Amino acid sequence: MVKCVMIQLCRCLFGLSYLALYVLLCYQLFGWMATLLIMSVQRFLAGWLIWAMIRAPD
């Protein structure tokens, strides 16, 4: 049980680190406004995909 919890925590930490590096890279390449635009579009697409998967027929 402890091993499963540790694996999940490590995955979450890796995901957060990856996200932080991705935002930093976008910021350095494109600037703040483009980074905000890119993140907004990606969140919109992710939300739409999740909504479509929930509403999809079985």
Protein backbone atom coordinates (compact mmCIF):
# COMPACT_ATOMS: atom_id res chain seq x y z
CA MET A 1 0.00 0.00 0.00
CA VAL A 2 2.77 2.44 0.90
CA LYS A 3 4.55 1.60 -2.36
CA CYS A 4 1.43 2.51 -4.39
CA VAL A 5 1.07 5.81 -2.54
CA MET A 6 4.72 6.67 -3.13
CA ILE A 7 4.41 5.85 -6.83
CA GLN A 8 1.37 8.13 -7.13
CA LEU A 9 3.15 10.95 -5.29
CA CYS A 10 6.17 10.63 -7.55
CA ARG A 11 3.95 10.72 -10.63
CA CYS A 12 2.22 13.86 -9.38
CA LEU A 13 5.54 15.51 -8.60
CA PHE A 14 6.90 14.59 -12.02
CA GLY A 15 3.77 15.97 -13.68
CA LEU A 16 4.03 19.26 -11.81
CA SER A 17 7.72 19.56 -12.63
CA TYR A 18 7.02 18.87 -16.30
CA LEU A 19 4.26 21.48 -16.33
CA ALA A 20 6.48 24.09 -14.69
CA LEU A 21 9.29 23.46 -17.19
CA TYR A 22 6.83 23.61 -20.08
CA VAL A 23 5.45 26.98 -18.95
CA LEU A 24 8.97 28.32 -18.41
CA LEU A 25 10.06 27.18 -21.87
CA CYS A 26 6.99 28.77 -23.51
CA TYR A 27 7.66 31.98 -21.57
CA GLN A 28 11.27 32.14 -22.66
CA LEU A 29 10.46 31.36 -26.29
CA PHE A 30 7.32 33.44 -26.81
CA GLY A 31 6.78 35.83 -23.87
CA TRP A 32 3.96 36.11 -21.34
CA MET A 33 1.07 36.96 -23.66
CA ALA A 34 1.74 34.09 -26.05
CA THR A 35 2.25 31.72 -23.12
CA LEU A 36 -1.11 32.71 -21.64
CA LEU A 37 -2.74 32.27 -25.03
CA ILE A 38 -1.15 28.84 -25.56
CA MET A 39 -2.16 27.67 -22.07
CA SER A 40 -5.70 28.97 -22.52
CA VAL A 41 -6.15 27.17 -25.82
CA GLN A 42 -4.75 23.95 -24.40
CA ARG A 43 -7.04 24.13 -21.35
CA PHE A 44 -10.03 24.77 -23.60
CA LEU A 45 -9.18 21.77 -25.78
CA ALA A 46 -8.60 19.55 -22.74
CA GLY A 47 -11.93 20.61 -21.23
CA TRP A 48 -13.74 20.01 -24.51
CA LEU A 49 -12.14 16.57 -24.83
CA ILE A 50 -13.10 15.61 -21.28
CA TRP A 51 -16.65 16.87 -21.82
CA ALA A 52 -16.92 14.90 -25.08
CA MET A 53 -15.61 11.73 -23.45
CA ILE A 54 -18.10 12.02 -20.60
CA ARG A 55 -21.00 12.65 -22.98
CA ALA A 56 -20.00 9.95 -25.48
CA PRO A 57 -22.36 7.02 -25.88
CA ASP A 58 -21.17 3.70 -24.60
